[in-house]
Amino acid sequence: MNDLEITALVRRLSRPHLSGGIVIERAAILAAGAEYPAIIDWIASHAGTPETTAPTGRSRGLHGSRINDGNTPASQQPMRFVLPAKTLH
């Protein structure tokens, strides 16, 4: 993917963030079937930062301890990426 294609993809998949910038979900990038490493490199080169969810501790319920044990690799992956407002202008 070239820079223009990635910019168009990010514009299509992103939404406004409370910081005034934009946010793009990791799941949306993966679901788009795009070249994930190229997009992550583009995000990093445009001052994007990964945003992960903080561990919430043990959840109640039958499977709560397995879901929120913090040892799964998926819990260490960024859930979304936040970019500055001027990125797509």
Protein backbone atom coordinates (compact mmCIF):
# COMPACT_ATOMS: atom_id res chain seq x y z
CA MET A 1 0.00 0.00 0.00
CA ASN A 2 1.23 3.46 -0.75
CA ASP A 3 0.88 6.56 1.41
CA LEU A 4 -2.25 7.84 -0.37
CA GLU A 5 -4.04 4.50 -0.02
CA ILE A 6 -3.22 4.32 3.68
CA THR A 7 -4.37 7.90 4.22
CA ALA A 8 -7.69 7.12 2.51
CA LEU A 9 -8.13 3.95 4.59
CA VAL A 10 -7.39 5.76 7.86
CA ARG A 11 -9.79 8.56 6.90
CA ARG A 12 -12.53 6.01 6.15
CA LEU A 13 -12.02 3.92 9.31
CA SER A 14 -11.29 6.63 11.87
CA ARG A 15 -13.62 8.68 14.03
CA PRO A 16 -13.22 11.77 16.22
CA HIS A 17 -11.45 11.33 19.57
CA LEU A 18 -12.09 13.29 22.78
CA SER A 19 -8.59 14.77 22.54
CA GLY A 20 -9.57 16.58 19.35
CA GLY A 21 -7.65 14.13 17.20
CA ILE A 22 -8.85 10.97 15.55
CA VAL A 23 -8.94 7.37 16.68
CA ILE A 24 -8.80 4.19 14.64
CA GLU A 25 -9.63 0.80 16.10
CA ARG A 26 -7.14 -2.04 15.66
CA ALA A 27 -10.03 -4.37 14.86
CA ALA A 28 -11.17 -2.07 12.04
CA ILE A 29 -7.71 -2.16 10.48
CA LEU A 30 -7.60 -5.94 10.69
CA ALA A 31 -11.17 -6.31 9.37
CA ALA A 32 -10.35 -4.12 6.37
CA GLY A 33 -7.92 -6.81 5.23
CA ALA A 34 -5.26 -4.20 4.72
CA GLU A 35 -1.53 -4.56 5.26
CA TYR A 36 -1.46 -4.18 9.04
CA PRO A 37 2.32 -3.60 9.42
CA ALA A 38 2.33 -0.88 6.74
CA ILE A 39 -0.59 0.90 8.41
CA ILE A 40 1.00 0.71 11.86
CA ASP A 41 4.22 2.17 10.42
CA TRP A 42 2.18 4.97 8.82
CA ILE A 43 0.41 5.68 12.11
CA ALA A 44 3.72 5.80 14.00
CA SER A 45 5.27 8.12 11.41
CA HIS A 46 2.30 10.50 11.81
CA ALA A 47 2.66 10.83 15.61
CA GLY A 48 0.01 8.22 16.36
CA THR A 49 0.09 6.53 19.75
CA PRO A 50 -1.26 3.13 20.76
CA GLU A 51 -3.97 3.09 23.38
CA THR A 52 -4.48 0.00 25.52
CA THR A 53 -7.09 -0.72 28.11
CA ALA A 54 -5.98 -0.76 31.70
CA PRO A 55 -6.37 -4.03 33.59
CA THR A 56 -9.64 -3.97 35.47
CA GLY A 57 -8.83 -6.68 37.97
CA ARG A 58 -10.93 -9.74 38.49
CA SER A 59 -14.33 -9.74 36.99
CA ARG A 60 -17.24 -11.46 38.60
CA GLY A 61 -18.89 -14.42 36.99
CA LEU A 62 -18.03 -17.89 35.89
CA HIS A 63 -15.31 -16.99 33.38
CA GLY A 64 -14.20 -13.67 34.85
CA SER A 65 -10.85 -14.89 36.14
CA ARG A 66 -9.92 -16.37 32.76
CA ILE A 67 -11.00 -13.38 30.72
CA ASN A 68 -9.26 -10.72 32.80
CA ASP A 69 -6.18 -12.55 34.05
CA GLY A 70 -3.87 -10.16 32.15
CA ASN A 71 -1.69 -12.99 30.86
CA THR A 72 -3.16 -13.27 27.41
CA PRO A 73 -1.20 -11.71 24.53
CA ALA A 74 -4.37 -10.00 23.26
CA SER A 75 -4.56 -7.95 26.46
CA GLN A 76 -1.16 -6.46 25.62
CA GLN A 77 -2.13 -5.45 22.07
CA PRO A 78 -3.25 -1.87 21.51
CA MET A 79 -7.01 -1.68 21.17
CA ARG A 80 -6.85 1.49 19.09
CA PHE A 81 -4.53 4.21 17.89
CA VAL A 82 -4.94 7.94 18.52
CA LEU A 83 -3.61 10.45 15.99
CA PRO A 84 -3.31 14.25 16.21
CA ALA A 85 -6.09 16.37 14.69
CA LYS A 86 -3.89 17.71 11.90
CA THR A 87 -3.05 14.24 10.57
CA LEU A 88 -5.72 14.08 7.85
CA HIS A 89 -5.83 17.75 6.87
